[in-house]
Amino acid sequence: MQIAQLSGFHASAQGQGFATTLLASLRALRQRRAVYTRTVNELTALSGRELADIGISRSEIRAVARRTANAA
């Protein structure tokens, strides 16, 4: 007998679905984090004048990046 049979462990489709869902969620989180980081970096690199031209104050950069990442 196999060890899995002896322990009563059975891989179910439901268990695999959970793992698939978990991995998909982690990938999506990583992608949103990358968008957030890239947006913060790009906006931080702009001058105060450039930020004013696009209607963003320096104190709003993280909020704008968060909204952008959540929309992605």
Protein backbone atom coordinates (compact mmCIF):
# COMPACT_ATOMS: atom_id res chain seq x y z
CA MET A 1 0.00 0.00 0.00
CA GLN A 2 1.05 3.54 -0.60
CA ILE A 3 1.70 5.86 2.31
CA ALA A 4 -1.10 8.17 1.18
CA GLN A 5 -3.57 5.29 1.36
CA LEU A 6 -2.36 4.25 4.80
CA SER A 7 -2.77 7.72 6.25
CA GLY A 8 -6.21 8.14 4.74
CA PHE A 9 -5.07 11.16 2.71
CA HIS A 10 -6.95 11.65 -0.52
CA ALA A 11 -6.21 14.51 -2.89
CA SER A 12 -9.55 15.87 -3.93
CA ALA A 13 -10.51 18.17 -6.75
CA GLN A 14 -11.72 20.58 -4.10
CA GLY A 15 -8.26 20.67 -2.49
CA GLN A 16 -6.64 21.27 -5.85
CA GLY A 17 -9.14 24.05 -6.52
CA PHE A 18 -8.11 25.73 -3.31
CA ALA A 19 -4.43 25.57 -4.26
CA THR A 20 -5.19 26.92 -7.72
CA THR A 21 -7.25 29.74 -6.26
CA LEU A 22 -4.54 30.54 -3.73
CA LEU A 23 -1.85 30.67 -6.40
CA ALA A 24 -4.01 32.86 -8.64
CA SER A 25 -4.65 35.22 -5.71
CA LEU A 26 -0.94 35.43 -4.93
CA ARG A 27 -0.12 36.16 -8.58
CA ALA A 28 -2.75 38.90 -8.70
CA LEU A 29 -1.43 40.38 -5.46
CA ARG A 30 2.12 40.36 -6.82
CA GLN A 31 0.94 42.04 -10.02
CA ARG A 32 -0.97 44.75 -8.12
CA ARG A 33 2.04 45.34 -5.87
CA ALA A 34 4.26 45.77 -8.94
CA VAL A 35 1.83 48.31 -10.42
CA TYR A 36 1.71 50.15 -7.08
CA THR A 37 5.51 50.25 -6.77
CA ARG A 38 6.02 51.34 -10.38
CA THR A 39 3.39 54.10 -10.03
CA VAL A 40 4.91 55.41 -6.78
CA ASN A 41 8.39 55.41 -8.31
CA GLU A 42 7.28 57.20 -11.47
CA LEU A 43 5.24 59.85 -9.65
CA THR A 44 7.95 60.42 -7.05
CA ALA A 45 10.43 61.09 -9.85
CA LEU A 46 8.30 63.99 -11.13
CA SER A 47 8.93 67.54 -10.01
CA GLY A 48 6.37 69.43 -7.98
CA ARG A 49 5.48 71.43 -11.08
CA GLU A 50 4.91 68.30 -13.15
CA LEU A 51 2.72 66.82 -10.41
CA ALA A 52 0.72 70.06 -10.26
CA ASP A 53 0.25 69.91 -14.04
CA ILE A 54 -1.45 66.53 -13.73
CA GLY A 55 -3.41 67.57 -10.65
CA ILE A 56 -1.63 65.49 -8.01
CA SER A 57 0.05 66.76 -4.88
CA ARG A 58 3.06 64.93 -3.48
CA SER A 59 0.99 63.84 -0.46
CA GLU A 60 -1.47 62.05 -2.77
CA ILE A 61 1.07 59.85 -4.55
CA ARG A 62 0.48 56.72 -2.44
CA ALA A 63 -3.31 57.05 -2.66
CA VAL A 64 -3.15 57.49 -6.44
CA ALA A 65 -0.83 54.49 -6.73
CA ARG A 66 -3.14 52.40 -4.55
CA ARG A 67 -6.18 53.29 -6.71
CA THR A 68 -4.21 52.55 -9.86
CA ALA A 69 -3.03 49.16 -8.56
CA ASN A 70 -6.52 48.16 -7.45
CA ALA A 71 -7.92 49.05 -10.87
CA ALA A 72 -5.32 46.90 -12.64
